[in-house]
C-alpha atoms as a PDB file:
ATOM      1  CA  MET A   1     241.838  72.304 115.211  1.00  0.00           C
ATOM      2  CA  ILE A   2     240.684  69.619 112.818  1.00  0.00           C
ATOM      3  CA  TRP A   3     238.369  66.862 114.093  1.00  0.00           C
ATOM      4  CA  GLY A   4     236.915  63.804 112.273  1.00  0.00           C
ATOM      5  CA  ARG A   5     233.360  62.561 112.090  1.00  0.00           C
ATOM      6  CA  ARG A   6     233.401  60.774 115.369  1.00  0.00           C
ATOM      7  CA  ALA A   7     234.979  63.634 117.183  1.00  0.00           C
ATOM      8  CA  LEU A   8     232.279  66.083 115.840  1.00  0.00           C
ATOM      9  CA  GLN A   9     229.552  63.757 117.368  1.00  0.00           C
ATOM     10  CA  HIS A  10     231.136  64.304 120.777  1.00  0.00           C
ATOM     11  CA  VAL A  11     231.336  68.079 120.148  1.00  0.00           C
ATOM     12  CA  LYS A  12     227.498  68.235 119.909  1.00  0.00           C
ATOM     13  CA  ARG A  13     227.056  66.250 123.079  1.00  0.00           C
ATOM     14  CA  PHE A  14     229.492  68.343 124.979  1.00  0.00           C
ATOM     15  CA  LYS A  15     228.000  71.659 123.948  1.00  0.00           C
ATOM     16  CA  ARG A  16     224.794  70.612 125.759  1.00  0.00           C
ATOM     17  CA  LEU A  17     226.698  70.410 129.136  1.00  0.00           C
ATOM     18  CA  PRO A  18     226.002  73.248 131.606  1.00  0.00           C
ATOM     19  CA  PHE A  19     229.631  74.522 131.554  1.00  0.00           C
ATOM     20  CA  GLN A  20     229.360  78.326 131.392  1.00  0.00           C
ATOM     21  CA  PRO A  21     231.926  79.858 133.845  1.00  0.00           C
ATOM     22  CA  GLU A  22     232.025  83.249 132.038  1.00  0.00           C
ATOM     23  CA  GLY A  23     231.704  86.190 134.565  1.00  0.00           C
ATOM     24  CA  LEU A  24     231.046  83.974 137.546  1.00  0.00           C
ATOM     25  CA  HIS A  25     232.401  85.110 140.783  1.00  0.00           C
ATOM     26  CA  ARG A  26     231.830  81.833 142.653  1.00  0.00           C
ATOM     27  CA  CYS A  27     232.875  78.257 142.469  1.00  0.00           C
ATOM     28  CA  MET A  28     230.979  76.010 140.174  1.00  0.00           C
ATOM     29  CA  SER A  29     231.375  72.456 138.846  1.00  0.00           C
ATOM     30  CA  ALA A  30     230.633  70.708 135.602  1.00  0.00           C
ATOM     31  CA  ALA A  31     231.383  67.261 134.241  1.00  0.00           C
ATOM     32  CA  THR A  32     231.508  65.420 131.107  1.00  0.00           C
ATOM     33  CA  GLN A  33     231.629  61.626 130.848  1.00  0.00           C
ATOM     34  CA  ASN A  34     235.362  61.488 131.613  1.00  0.00           C
ATOM     35  CA  LEU A  35     236.201  64.975 133.095  1.00  0.00           C
ATOM     36  CA  VAL A  36     235.332  66.791 136.291  1.00  0.00           C
ATOM     37  CA  VAL A  37     235.622  70.485 136.063  1.00  0.00           C
ATOM     38  CA  GLU A  38     235.669  72.901 138.919  1.00  0.00           C
ATOM     39  CA  MET A  39     235.798  76.474 137.912  1.00  0.00           C
ATOM     40  CA  ASP A  40     236.423  79.401 140.320  1.00  0.00           C
ATOM     41  CA  GLY A  41     235.190  82.496 138.537  1.00  0.00           C
ATOM     42  CA  LYS A  42     236.687  84.682 141.240  1.00  0.00           C
ATOM     43  CA  SER A  43     240.304  83.520 140.862  1.00  0.00           C
ATOM     44  CA  GLY A  44     239.857  82.392 137.269  1.00  0.00           C
ATOM     45  CA  VAL A  45     241.351  79.016 137.953  1.00  0.00           C
ATOM     46  CA  ALA A  46     239.781  75.870 136.595  1.00  0.00           C
ATOM     47  CA  VAL A  47     240.763  72.527 138.177  1.00  0.00           C
ATOM     48  CA  VAL A  48     240.143  69.673 135.732  1.00  0.00           C
ATOM     49  CA  LYS A  49     240.298  66.124 137.014  1.00  0.00           C
ATOM     50  CA  LEU A  50     240.752  63.197 134.615  1.00  0.00           C
ATOM     51  CA  ASN A  51     238.005  60.732 135.331  1.00  0.00           C
ATOM     52  CA  LYS A  52     237.978  57.854 132.967  1.00  0.00           C
ATOM     53  CA  PRO A  53     238.279  54.523 134.862  1.00  0.00           C
ATOM     54  CA  PRO A  54     240.315  52.477 135.356  1.00  0.00           C
ATOM     55  CA  VAL A  55     243.498  54.438 134.476  1.00  0.00           C
ATOM     56  CA  ASN A  56     242.562  57.517 132.594  1.00  0.00           C
ATOM     57  CA  SER A  57     243.954  56.105 129.356  1.00  0.00           C
ATOM     58  CA  PHE A  58     243.544  58.261 126.220  1.00  0.00           C
ATOM     59  CA  ASN A  59     241.290  56.987 123.570  1.00  0.00           C
ATOM     60  CA  LEU A  60     239.921  58.944 120.675  1.00  0.00           C
ATOM     61  CA  GLU A  61     236.723  59.964 122.584  1.00  0.00           C
ATOM     62  CA  PHE A  62     238.583  60.939 125.639  1.00  0.00           C
ATOM     63  CA  LEU A  63     241.142  62.990 123.783  1.00  0.00           C
ATOM     64  CA  THR A  64     238.231  64.697 122.010  1.00  0.00           C
ATOM     65  CA  GLU A  65     236.678  65.675 125.213  1.00  0.00           C
ATOM     66  CA  ILE A  66     239.845  67.221 126.385  1.00  0.00           C
ATOM     67  CA  ASN A  67     240.316  69.153 123.239  1.00  0.00           C
ATOM     68  CA  ILE A  68     236.759  70.569 123.435  1.00  0.00           C
ATOM     69  CA  LEU A  69     237.167  71.511 127.017  1.00  0.00           C
ATOM     70  CA  MET A  70     240.536  73.196 126.266  1.00  0.00           C
ATOM     71  CA  GLU A  71     238.808  75.177 123.563  1.00  0.00           C
ATOM     72  CA  LYS A  72     236.073  76.217 126.010  1.00  0.00           C
ATOM     73  CA  LEU A  73     238.584  77.397 128.626  1.00  0.00           C
ATOM     74  CA  GLU A  74     240.799  79.184 126.124  1.00  0.00           C
ATOM     75  CA  ASN A  75     237.745  81.136 124.902  1.00  0.00           C
ATOM     76  CA  ASP A  76     236.600  82.011 128.448  1.00  0.00           C
ATOM     77  CA  LYS A  77     238.202  85.488 129.120  1.00  0.00           C
ATOM     78  CA  SER A  78     237.608  84.947 132.966  1.00  0.00           C
ATOM     79  CA  CYS A  79     239.879  81.804 132.985  1.00  0.00           C
ATOM     80  CA  ARG A  80     243.489  82.583 133.701  1.00  0.00           C
ATOM     81  CA  GLY A  81     244.782  79.252 134.978  1.00  0.00           C
ATOM     82  CA  LEU A  82     244.301  75.435 134.715  1.00  0.00           C
ATOM     83  CA  ILE A  83     245.247  72.824 137.276  1.00  0.00           C
ATOM     84  CA  LEU A  84     245.252  69.374 135.678  1.00  0.00           C
ATOM     85  CA  THR A  85     244.935  66.365 138.002  1.00  0.00           C
ATOM     86  CA  SER A  86     243.155  63.006 138.380  1.00  0.00           C
ATOM     87  CA  ASN A  87     240.102  61.846 140.168  1.00  0.00           C
ATOM     88  CA  ASN A  88     241.972  58.722 140.838  1.00  0.00           C
ATOM     89  CA  ASN A  89     244.521  59.038 143.662  1.00  0.00           C
ATOM     90  CA  LYS A  90     246.811  56.269 142.330  1.00  0.00           C
ATOM     91  CA  ILE A  91     246.832  56.990 138.496  1.00  0.00           C
ATOM     92  CA  PHE A  92     247.429  60.451 136.930  1.00  0.00           C
ATOM     93  CA  SER A  93     246.971  58.845 133.439  1.00  0.00           C
ATOM     94  CA  GLY A  94     248.157  55.506 132.156  1.00  0.00           C
ATOM     95  CA  GLY A  95     248.829  57.094 128.779  1.00  0.00           C
ATOM     96  CA  LEU A  96     247.576  56.194 125.413  1.00  0.00           C
ATOM     97  CA  ASP A  97     244.924  53.565 125.276  1.00  0.00           C
ATOM     98  CA  ILE A  98     246.824  50.520 123.655  1.00  0.00           C
ATOM     99  CA  MET A  99     243.579  49.201 122.265  1.00  0.00           C
ATOM    100  CA  GLU A 100     243.499  52.148 119.891  1.00  0.00           C
ATOM    101  CA  MET A 101     246.751  50.808 118.389  1.00  0.00           C
ATOM    102  CA  TYR A 102     246.285  47.110 118.553  1.00  0.00           C
ATOM    103  CA  ASN A 103     244.607  45.669 115.408  1.00  0.00           C
ATOM    104  CA  PRO A 104     243.483  49.145 114.409  1.00  0.00           C
ATOM    105  CA  GLN A 105     241.299  50.515 111.767  1.00  0.00           C
ATOM    106  CA  PRO A 106     243.636  52.668 109.715  1.00  0.00           C
ATOM    107  CA  ASP A 107     241.179  55.689 109.438  1.00  0.00           C
ATOM    108  CA  ARG A 108     240.421  55.669 113.190  1.00  0.00           C
ATOM    109  CA  LEU A 109     244.090  55.227 114.012  1.00  0.00           C
ATOM    110  CA  ALA A 110     245.012  58.369 111.998  1.00  0.00           C
ATOM    111  CA  GLU A 111     242.209  60.342 113.576  1.00  0.00           C
ATOM    112  CA  PHE A 112     243.328  59.155 117.012  1.00  0.00           C
ATOM    113  CA  TRP A 113     246.848  60.403 116.348  1.00  0.00           C
ATOM    114  CA  ARG A 114     245.648  63.713 114.960  1.00  0.00           C
ATOM    115  CA  THR A 115     243.415  64.330 117.969  1.00  0.00           C
ATOM    116  CA  LEU A 116     246.326  63.500 120.330  1.00  0.00           C
ATOM    117  CA  GLN A 117     248.510  66.006 118.336  1.00  0.00           C
ATOM    118  CA  GLY A 118     245.650  68.588 118.918  1.00  0.00           C
ATOM    119  CA  MET A 119     245.589  67.927 122.572  1.00  0.00           C
ATOM    120  CA  TRP A 120     249.224  68.472 122.893  1.00  0.00           C
ATOM    121  CA  LEU A 121     249.264  71.617 120.804  1.00  0.00           C
ATOM    122  CA  SER A 122     246.366  73.134 122.791  1.00  0.00           C
ATOM    123  CA  LEU A 123     247.866  72.319 126.136  1.00  0.00           C
ATOM    124  CA  TYR A 124     251.564  73.102 125.295  1.00  0.00           C
ATOM    125  CA  GLY A 125     250.675  76.348 123.706  1.00  0.00           C
ATOM    126  CA  SER A 126     247.884  77.326 126.047  1.00  0.00           C
ATOM    127  CA  ARG A 127     247.530  80.991 126.980  1.00  0.00           C
ATOM    128  CA  LEU A 128     246.564  79.735 130.488  1.00  0.00           C
ATOM    129  CA  ALA A 129     249.054  79.233 133.298  1.00  0.00           C
ATOM    130  CA  THR A 130     249.059  75.396 133.514  1.00  0.00           C
ATOM    131  CA  ILE A 131     249.961  73.306 136.453  1.00  0.00           C
ATOM    132  CA  ALA A 132     250.028  69.407 136.540  1.00  0.00           C
ATOM    133  CA  ALA A 133     249.188  68.132 139.978  1.00  0.00           C
ATOM    134  CA  ILE A 134     250.375  64.527 139.461  1.00  0.00           C
ATOM    135  CA  ASN A 135     248.675  62.421 142.026  1.00  0.00           C
ATOM    136  CA  GLY A 136     249.406  59.017 140.593  1.00  0.00           C
ATOM    137  CA  HIS A 137     251.464  57.003 138.261  1.00  0.00           C
ATOM    138  CA  SER A 138     252.182  58.785 134.984  1.00  0.00           C
ATOM    139  CA  PRO A 139     253.732  56.747 132.137  1.00  0.00           C
ATOM    140  CA  ALA A 140     254.146  57.567 128.433  1.00  0.00           C
ATOM    141  CA  GLY A 141     251.162  59.781 127.243  1.00  0.00           C
ATOM    142  CA  GLY A 142     250.527  60.701 130.872  1.00  0.00           C
ATOM    143  CA  CYS A 143     254.023  61.967 131.259  1.00  0.00           C
ATOM    144  CA  LEU A 144     253.677  63.875 127.994  1.00  0.00           C
ATOM    145  CA  THR A 145     250.454  65.537 129.394  1.00  0.00           C
ATOM    146  CA  ALA A 146     252.415  66.639 132.432  1.00  0.00           C
ATOM    147  CA  LEU A 147     255.418  67.837 130.450  1.00  0.00           C
ATOM    148  CA  SER A 148     253.043  70.092 128.422  1.00  0.00           C
ATOM    149  CA  CYS A 149     252.142  72.101 131.560  1.00  0.00           C
ATOM    150  CA  ASP A 150     254.131  75.057 132.853  1.00  0.00           C
ATOM    151  CA  TYR A 151     254.781  73.532 136.333  1.00  0.00           C
ATOM    152  CA  ARG A 152     254.658  70.022 137.682  1.00  0.00           C
ATOM    153  CA  ILE A 153     253.893  68.981 141.314  1.00  0.00           C
ATOM    154  CA  MET A 154     254.037  65.304 142.128  1.00  0.00           C
ATOM    155  CA  ALA A 155     253.063  63.135 145.189  1.00  0.00           C
ATOM    156  CA  PRO A 156     255.686  60.559 146.446  1.00  0.00           C
ATOM    157  CA  GLY A 157     255.391  56.896 145.865  1.00  0.00           C
ATOM    158  CA  PHE A 158     254.555  57.088 142.232  1.00  0.00           C
ATOM    159  CA  THR A 159     256.411  56.762 138.953  1.00  0.00           C
ATOM    160  CA  ILE A 160     256.545  58.947 135.751  1.00  0.00           C
ATOM    161  CA  GLY A 161     258.505  58.754 132.337  1.00  0.00           C
ATOM    162  CA  LEU A 162     258.269  58.231 128.584  1.00  0.00           C
ATOM    163  CA  ASN A 163     258.531  54.499 128.640  1.00  0.00           C
ATOM    164  CA  GLU A 164     257.605  53.926 124.972  1.00  0.00           C
ATOM    165  CA  THR A 165     260.784  52.129 124.015  1.00  0.00           C
ATOM    166  CA  GLN A 166     260.044  49.340 126.726  1.00  0.00           C
ATOM    167  CA  LEU A 167     257.021  48.476 124.570  1.00  0.00           C
ATOM    168  CA  GLY A 168     259.022  48.514 121.296  1.00  0.00           C
ATOM    169  CA  ILE A 169     257.607  51.849 120.325  1.00  0.00           C
ATOM    170  CA  ILE A 170     259.579  54.788 119.131  1.00  0.00           C
ATOM    171  CA  PRO A 171     258.541  58.129 120.892  1.00  0.00           C
ATOM    172  CA  PRO A 172     257.686  60.777 118.367  1.00  0.00           C
ATOM    173  CA  PHE A 173     260.008  63.815 118.048  1.00  0.00           C
ATOM    174  CA  TRP A 174     257.605  66.081 119.805  1.00  0.00           C
ATOM    175  CA  PHE A 175     257.347  63.761 122.769  1.00  0.00           C
ATOM    176  CA  VAL A 176     261.157  63.695 123.092  1.00  0.00           C
ATOM    177  CA  GLU A 177     261.570  67.469 122.484  1.00  0.00           C
ATOM    178  CA  SER A 178     259.018  68.118 125.252  1.00  0.00           C
ATOM    179  CA  MET A 179     261.280  66.149 127.522  1.00  0.00           C
ATOM    180  CA  ILE A 180     264.382  67.825 126.230  1.00  0.00           C
ATOM    181  CA  ASN A 181     262.831  71.249 126.872  1.00  0.00           C
ATOM    182  CA  VAL A 182     262.210  70.376 130.498  1.00  0.00           C
ATOM    183  CA  THR A 183     265.118  68.179 131.498  1.00  0.00           C
ATOM    184  CA  GLY A 184     267.836  69.183 129.041  1.00  0.00           C
ATOM    185  CA  GLN A 185     269.384  67.112 126.218  1.00  0.00           C
ATOM    186  CA  ARG A 186     271.509  64.433 128.165  1.00  0.00           C
ATOM    187  CA  GLN A 187     268.744  63.601 130.687  1.00  0.00           C
ATOM    188  CA  ALA A 188     266.257  63.297 127.853  1.00  0.00           C
ATOM    189  CA  GLU A 189     268.541  60.978 125.858  1.00  0.00           C
ATOM    190  CA  VAL A 190     269.049  58.597 128.659  1.00  0.00           C
ATOM    191  CA  CYS A 191     265.349  58.642 129.887  1.00  0.00           C
ATOM    192  CA  CYS A 192     263.792  58.387 126.333  1.00  0.00           C
ATOM    193  CA  GLN A 193     266.273  55.720 124.999  1.00  0.00           C
ATOM    194  CA  LYS A 194     265.961  53.480 128.027  1.00  0.00           C
ATOM    195  CA  GLY A 195     262.262  54.065 128.443  1.00  0.00           C
ATOM    196  CA  LEU A 196     262.859  54.908 132.126  1.00  0.00           C
ATOM    197  CA  MET A 197     260.010  55.036 134.618  1.00  0.00           C
ATOM    198  CA  MET A 198     261.445  57.288 137.366  1.00  0.00           C
ATOM    199  CA  THR A 199     260.301  57.589 140.955  1.00  0.00           C
ATOM    200  CA  THR A 200     258.935  60.938 142.113  1.00  0.00           C
ATOM    201  CA  GLU A 201     262.232  61.845 143.725  1.00  0.00           C
ATOM    202  CA  GLN A 202     264.270  60.731 140.693  1.00  0.00           C
ATOM    203  CA  ALA A 203     262.048  62.917 138.372  1.00  0.00           C
ATOM    204  CA  HIS A 204     262.489  65.845 140.886  1.00  0.00           C
ATOM    205  CA  SER A 205     266.302  65.420 140.905  1.00  0.00           C
ATOM    206  CA  ILE A 206     266.388  65.836 137.051  1.00  0.00           C
ATOM    207  CA  GLY A 207     263.893  68.747 136.844  1.00  0.00           C
ATOM    208  CA  LEU A 208     261.127  66.621 135.291  1.00  0.00           C
ATOM    209  CA  VAL A 209     259.083  67.546 138.437  1.00  0.00           C
ATOM    210  CA  ASP A 210     259.330  70.919 140.049  1.00  0.00           C
ATOM    211  CA  ASP A 211     257.945  70.114 143.473  1.00  0.00           C
ATOM    212  CA  VAL A 212     257.089  67.119 145.655  1.00  0.00           C
ATOM    213  CA  VAL A 213     254.291  67.225 148.205  1.00  0.00           C
ATOM    214  CA  PRO A 214     252.096  64.619 149.975  1.00  0.00           C
ATOM    215  CA  GLY A 215     249.172  63.566 147.828  1.00  0.00           C
ATOM    216  CA  GLU A 216     246.701  65.030 150.335  1.00  0.00           C
ATOM    217  CA  ALA A 217     248.330  68.398 149.927  1.00  0.00           C
ATOM    218  CA  ILE A 218     248.891  68.494 146.269  1.00  0.00           C
ATOM    219  CA  LEU A 219     245.931  70.554 145.286  1.00  0.00           C
ATOM    220  CA  GLU A 220     246.428  73.061 147.965  1.00  0.00           C
ATOM    221  CA  ARG A 221     250.043  73.403 146.913  1.00  0.00           C
ATOM    222  CA  ALA A 222     248.873  73.801 143.224  1.00  0.00           C
ATOM    223  CA  HIS A 223     246.569  76.634 144.038  1.00  0.00           C
ATOM    224  CA  ASN A 224     249.269  78.348 146.030  1.00  0.00           C
ATOM    225  CA  GLU A 225     251.713  77.963 143.197  1.00  0.00           C
ATOM    226  CA  MET A 226     249.181  79.134 140.603  1.00  0.00           C
ATOM    227  CA  LYS A 227     248.832  82.477 142.792  1.00  0.00           C
ATOM    228  CA  ASN A 228     252.527  83.117 141.965  1.00  0.00           C
ATOM    229  CA  TRP A 229     251.999  82.585 138.257  1.00  0.00           C
ATOM    230  CA  LEU A 230     249.031  84.775 138.109  1.00  0.00           C
ATOM    231  CA  LYS A 231     250.814  87.727 139.761  1.00  0.00           C
ATOM    232  CA  VAL A 232     252.561  88.093 136.400  1.00  0.00           C
ATOM    233  CA  PRO A 233     250.606  90.261 133.850  1.00  0.00           C
ATOM    234  CA  ASP A 234     248.896  87.721 131.565  1.00  0.00           C
ATOM    235  CA  PHE A 235     250.073  89.250 128.360  1.00  0.00           C
ATOM    236  CA  ALA A 236     253.815  89.322 129.334  1.00  0.00           C
ATOM    237  CA  ARG A 237     253.641  85.720 130.588  1.00  0.00           C
ATOM    238  CA  GLN A 238     251.818  84.489 127.588  1.00  0.00           C
ATOM    239  CA  LEU A 239     253.871  86.119 124.914  1.00  0.00           C
ATOM    240  CA  THR A 240     257.016  84.909 126.723  1.00  0.00           C
ATOM    241  CA  LYS A 241     255.696  81.384 126.810  1.00  0.00           C
ATOM    242  CA  ARG A 242     254.800  81.577 123.192  1.00  0.00           C
ATOM    243  CA  GLN A 243     258.306  82.769 122.289  1.00  0.00           C
ATOM    244  CA  ILE A 244     259.979  79.963 124.174  1.00  0.00           C
ATOM    245  CA  ARG A 245     257.510  77.103 123.036  1.00  0.00           C
ATOM    246  CA  LYS A 246     256.712  78.311 119.423  1.00  0.00           C
ATOM    247  CA  PRO A 247     259.755  76.536 117.684  1.00  0.00           C
ATOM    248  CA  THR A 248     258.719  73.118 119.088  1.00  0.00           C
ATOM    249  CA  MET A 249     255.086  73.667 118.152  1.00  0.00           C
ATOM    250  CA  ASP A 250     255.950  74.901 114.687  1.00  0.00           C
ATOM    251  CA  ARG A 251     257.924  71.831 113.963  1.00  0.00           C
ATOM    252  CA  LEU A 252     254.911  69.520 114.649  1.00  0.00           C
ATOM    253  CA  ILE A 253     252.560  71.767 112.795  1.00  0.00           C
ATOM    254  CA  ALA A 254     254.790  71.738 109.730  1.00  0.00           C
ATOM    255  CA  LYS A 255     255.126  67.945 109.802  1.00  0.00           C
ATOM    256  CA  ARG A 256     251.719  67.133 111.306  1.00  0.00           C
ATOM    257  CA  ASP A 257     250.441  64.901 108.176  1.00  0.00           C
ATOM    258  CA  GLU A 258     253.909  63.304 107.921  1.00  0.00           C
ATOM    259  CA  ASP A 259     253.906  62.448 111.608  1.00  0.00           C
ATOM    260  CA  ILE A 260     250.559  60.783 111.297  1.00  0.00           C
ATOM    261  CA  GLN A 261     251.659  58.828 108.387  1.00  0.00           C
ATOM    262  CA  ASN A 262     254.851  57.768 110.072  1.00  0.00           C
ATOM    263  CA  PHE A 263     252.838  56.716 113.096  1.00  0.00           C
ATOM    264  CA  VAL A 264     250.210  54.685 111.226  1.00  0.00           C
ATOM    265  CA  GLN A 265     252.989  52.915 109.102  1.00  0.00           C
ATOM    266  CA  PHE A 266     255.082  52.062 112.248  1.00  0.00           C
ATOM    267  CA  ILE A 267     252.225  50.874 114.520  1.00  0.00           C
ATOM    268  CA  THR A 268     250.785  48.647 111.825  1.00  0.00           C
ATOM    269  CA  LYS A 269     254.015  46.778 111.299  1.00  0.00           C
ATOM    270  CA  ASP A 270     253.642  43.012 112.099  1.00  0.00           C
ATOM    271  CA  SER A 271     256.570  43.160 114.519  1.00  0.00           C
ATOM    272  CA  VAL A 272     255.013  46.053 116.531  1.00  0.00           C
ATOM    273  CA  GLN A 273     251.523  44.471 116.563  1.00  0.00           C
ATOM    274  CA  LYS A 274     253.041  41.196 117.692  1.00  0.00           C
ATOM    275  CA  ALA A 275     254.821  42.996 120.626  1.00  0.00           C
ATOM    276  CA  MET A 276     251.669  44.777 121.514  1.00  0.00           C
ATOM    277  CA  GLY A 277     249.870  41.467 121.597  1.00  0.00           C
ATOM    278  CA  VAL A 278     252.416  39.983 124.040  1.00  0.00           C
ATOM    279  CA  TYR A 279     252.094  43.107 126.290  1.00  0.00           C
ATOM    280  CA  ILE A 280     248.246  42.929 126.271  1.00  0.00           C
ATOM    281  CA  ASP A 281     248.491  39.191 127.271  1.00  0.00           C
ATOM    282  CA  GLN A 282     250.876  40.131 130.066  1.00  0.00           C
ATOM    283  CA  LEU A 283     248.358  42.792 131.334  1.00  0.00           C
ATOM    284  CA  LYS A 284     245.504  40.202 131.225  1.00  0.00           C
ATOM    285  CA  ASN A 285     247.454  37.630 133.189  1.00  0.00           C
ATOM    286  CA  LYS A 286     248.444  40.199 135.778  1.00  0.00           C
ATOM    287  CA  ALA A 287     244.832  41.178 136.135  1.00  0.00           C
ATOM    288  CA  LYS A 288     243.898  37.537 136.822  1.00  0.00           C
ATOM    289  CA  LYS A 289     246.208  37.269 139.827  1.00  0.00           C
END
């Protein structure tokens, strides 16, 4: 994984945190600025709660923290599973931080996108069994994060989807392929072109969500489902997952620099920046009401 100068500053800070789950046969907790980690050394399952108020939006620093944590979990031989959820029971993740893309500094914008690519690659290709416990709204990058997991459980009363086109943004091919690989070609075409935000029930009906349970029971359900995944020998499950997901990952790896260049060129267009400005004004007006 390649990180820029800003990201490396966060690496140094993160390494000082007391997160050392290796070999523990009890429950322990740790936290970074924007993540709450609960590691059960006995079961080998880590619960990671996104904890970046107000809506768990992904900026460069938050993505960097997630990437560093994923590397730690991947390297911890006692860790076998990851349950990803939110510390906010209304928002799983609001997606990418729009302020990273509005009037951006080109170097930071490129670094931001490369770090997002890294997050997706590490989660989508993780050796761990991964479950998204979606306990709140999950648009755009939040939906992508959930799609990257092996199994998705969602609480009712919320919405989820890749809604980029509604903001005048083209979803990258690896966003779309993540949706295709879960819902199938036709459903992904409709959802991505229209930028649909689906209710929990609608998402369940097309296979985007695997299970629906009340919010207060979502972590219990995730732990019970994780037991089923961990009954399978790790090596067999991991190699099967790699066989299925490798072609999609390889396409991004082969085009990673090109994808960054395309993103930077598109986002910095005057028309796109203008549309973002209008959207930001709408958000500000809504917040005043």
